[in-house]
Amino acid sequence: MQFSKGRILQETLARLPGLREGEAVLLQPFKKDRSVCIILRDNMYQVLERGFDVREFEVEARKIRKVLKNLCRKEFPRSNKIWLKLLGVDEVDTFTGK
């Protein structure tokens, strides 16, 4: 699904509580040359940033809003539309290379 940049934060946060263990939300700009992937692992969120920076880190559920807001500002600075995709466990394994 494609959302405007102004709605992507609330749309992503609305989908995170519905994730099961190992599932993820993938955010990409229109060109799909960068990505932010948020994976639910052990009641924490594993965030994979693939773009200007390539990082991987863990975030508590109560801090995910601030982290996601900063990542969207950093990774999608000029994007008007952002793709949001829900990934199953198999797709997450393919995306992460595991």
Protein backbone atom coordinates (compact mmCIF):
# COMPACT_ATOMS: atom_id res chain seq x y z
CA MET A 1 0.00 0.00 0.00
CA GLN A 2 1.18 3.48 -0.72
CA PHE A 3 0.64 6.36 1.71
CA SER A 4 1.52 10.03 1.79
CA LYS A 5 4.49 10.95 3.94
CA GLY A 6 2.24 12.73 6.44
CA ARG A 7 0.22 9.58 7.16
CA ILE A 8 2.97 6.95 7.10
CA LEU A 9 3.83 7.27 10.80
CA GLN A 10 0.28 6.70 12.03
CA GLU A 11 -0.39 3.95 9.47
CA THR A 12 2.76 2.08 10.51
CA LEU A 13 2.07 2.46 14.22
CA ALA A 14 -1.48 1.16 13.69
CA ARG A 15 -0.14 -2.05 12.14
CA LEU A 16 2.65 -2.84 14.61
CA PRO A 17 0.43 -4.20 17.43
CA GLY A 18 -1.12 -6.71 15.01
CA LEU A 19 2.21 -8.32 14.11
CA ARG A 20 3.02 -11.84 15.25
CA GLU A 21 6.50 -13.00 16.22
CA GLY A 22 8.85 -12.77 13.23
CA GLU A 23 6.52 -10.67 11.03
CA ALA A 24 7.49 -7.20 9.85
CA VAL A 25 6.47 -3.89 8.34
CA LEU A 26 8.61 -2.71 5.40
CA LEU A 27 8.75 0.97 4.42
CA GLN A 28 10.26 2.05 1.08
CA PRO A 29 10.19 5.24 -1.00
CA PHE A 30 8.69 5.25 -4.49
CA LYS A 31 12.02 4.31 -6.12
CA LYS A 32 12.49 1.47 -3.59
CA ASP A 33 16.21 2.22 -3.30
CA ARG A 34 16.10 2.55 0.52
CA SER A 35 14.16 0.76 3.22
CA VAL A 36 13.26 0.61 6.88
CA CYS A 37 12.09 -2.78 8.13
CA ILE A 38 10.56 -3.22 11.60
CA ILE A 39 10.46 -6.84 12.79
CA LEU A 40 8.76 -8.08 15.97
CA ARG A 41 11.19 -10.24 17.99
CA ASP A 42 10.74 -11.22 21.64
CA ASN A 43 8.44 -8.29 22.55
CA MET A 44 11.00 -5.87 21.07
CA TYR A 45 11.24 -4.39 17.61
CA GLN A 46 14.29 -5.12 15.50
CA VAL A 47 14.81 -2.22 13.10
CA LEU A 48 16.78 -2.71 9.90
CA GLU A 49 17.82 0.50 8.19
CA ARG A 50 19.07 0.11 4.62
CA GLY A 51 19.65 3.45 2.94
CA PHE A 52 21.91 6.38 3.74
CA ASP A 53 23.05 4.34 6.75
CA VAL A 54 23.06 0.56 7.04
CA ARG A 55 22.24 -0.26 10.65
CA GLU A 56 20.42 -2.83 12.70
CA PHE A 57 19.22 -2.21 16.24
CA GLU A 58 16.57 -3.16 18.81
CA VAL A 59 13.93 -0.79 20.17
CA GLU A 60 11.40 -1.12 22.98
CA ALA A 61 7.74 -0.79 22.00
CA ARG A 62 7.34 2.47 23.93
CA LYS A 63 10.20 4.12 22.00
CA ILE A 64 9.32 2.95 18.48
CA ARG A 65 7.33 6.10 17.60
CA LYS A 66 10.28 8.45 18.13
CA VAL A 67 12.74 6.14 16.35
CA LEU A 68 10.39 5.67 13.39
CA LYS A 69 9.77 9.40 13.09
CA ASN A 70 13.51 10.11 13.00
CA LEU A 71 14.18 7.31 10.49
CA CYS A 72 11.45 8.49 8.11
CA ARG A 73 12.80 12.02 8.25
CA LYS A 74 16.33 10.76 7.58
CA GLU A 75 15.73 8.02 4.99
CA PHE A 76 12.82 9.57 3.05
CA PRO A 77 13.59 13.32 3.08
CA ARG A 78 12.07 14.23 -0.29
CA SER A 79 9.60 11.39 -0.76
CA ASN A 80 5.94 12.34 -1.05
CA LYS A 81 4.66 8.76 -1.17
CA ILE A 82 5.99 5.82 0.81
CA TRP A 83 5.22 2.14 0.26
CA LEU A 84 4.15 0.12 3.30
CA LYS A 85 4.22 -3.65 3.03
CA LEU A 86 3.47 -6.29 5.66
CA LEU A 87 5.96 -9.17 5.52
CA GLY A 88 5.33 -12.70 6.71
CA VAL A 89 8.00 -14.76 8.46
CA ASP A 90 9.25 -16.31 5.20
CA GLU A 91 9.51 -12.91 3.50
CA VAL A 92 11.39 -11.49 6.49
CA ASP A 93 13.93 -14.31 6.27
CA THR A 94 14.39 -13.59 2.56
CA PHE A 95 14.72 -9.84 3.18
CA THR A 96 17.27 -10.25 5.98
CA GLY A 97 19.21 -12.98 4.16
CA LYS A 98 18.82 -15.59 6.90
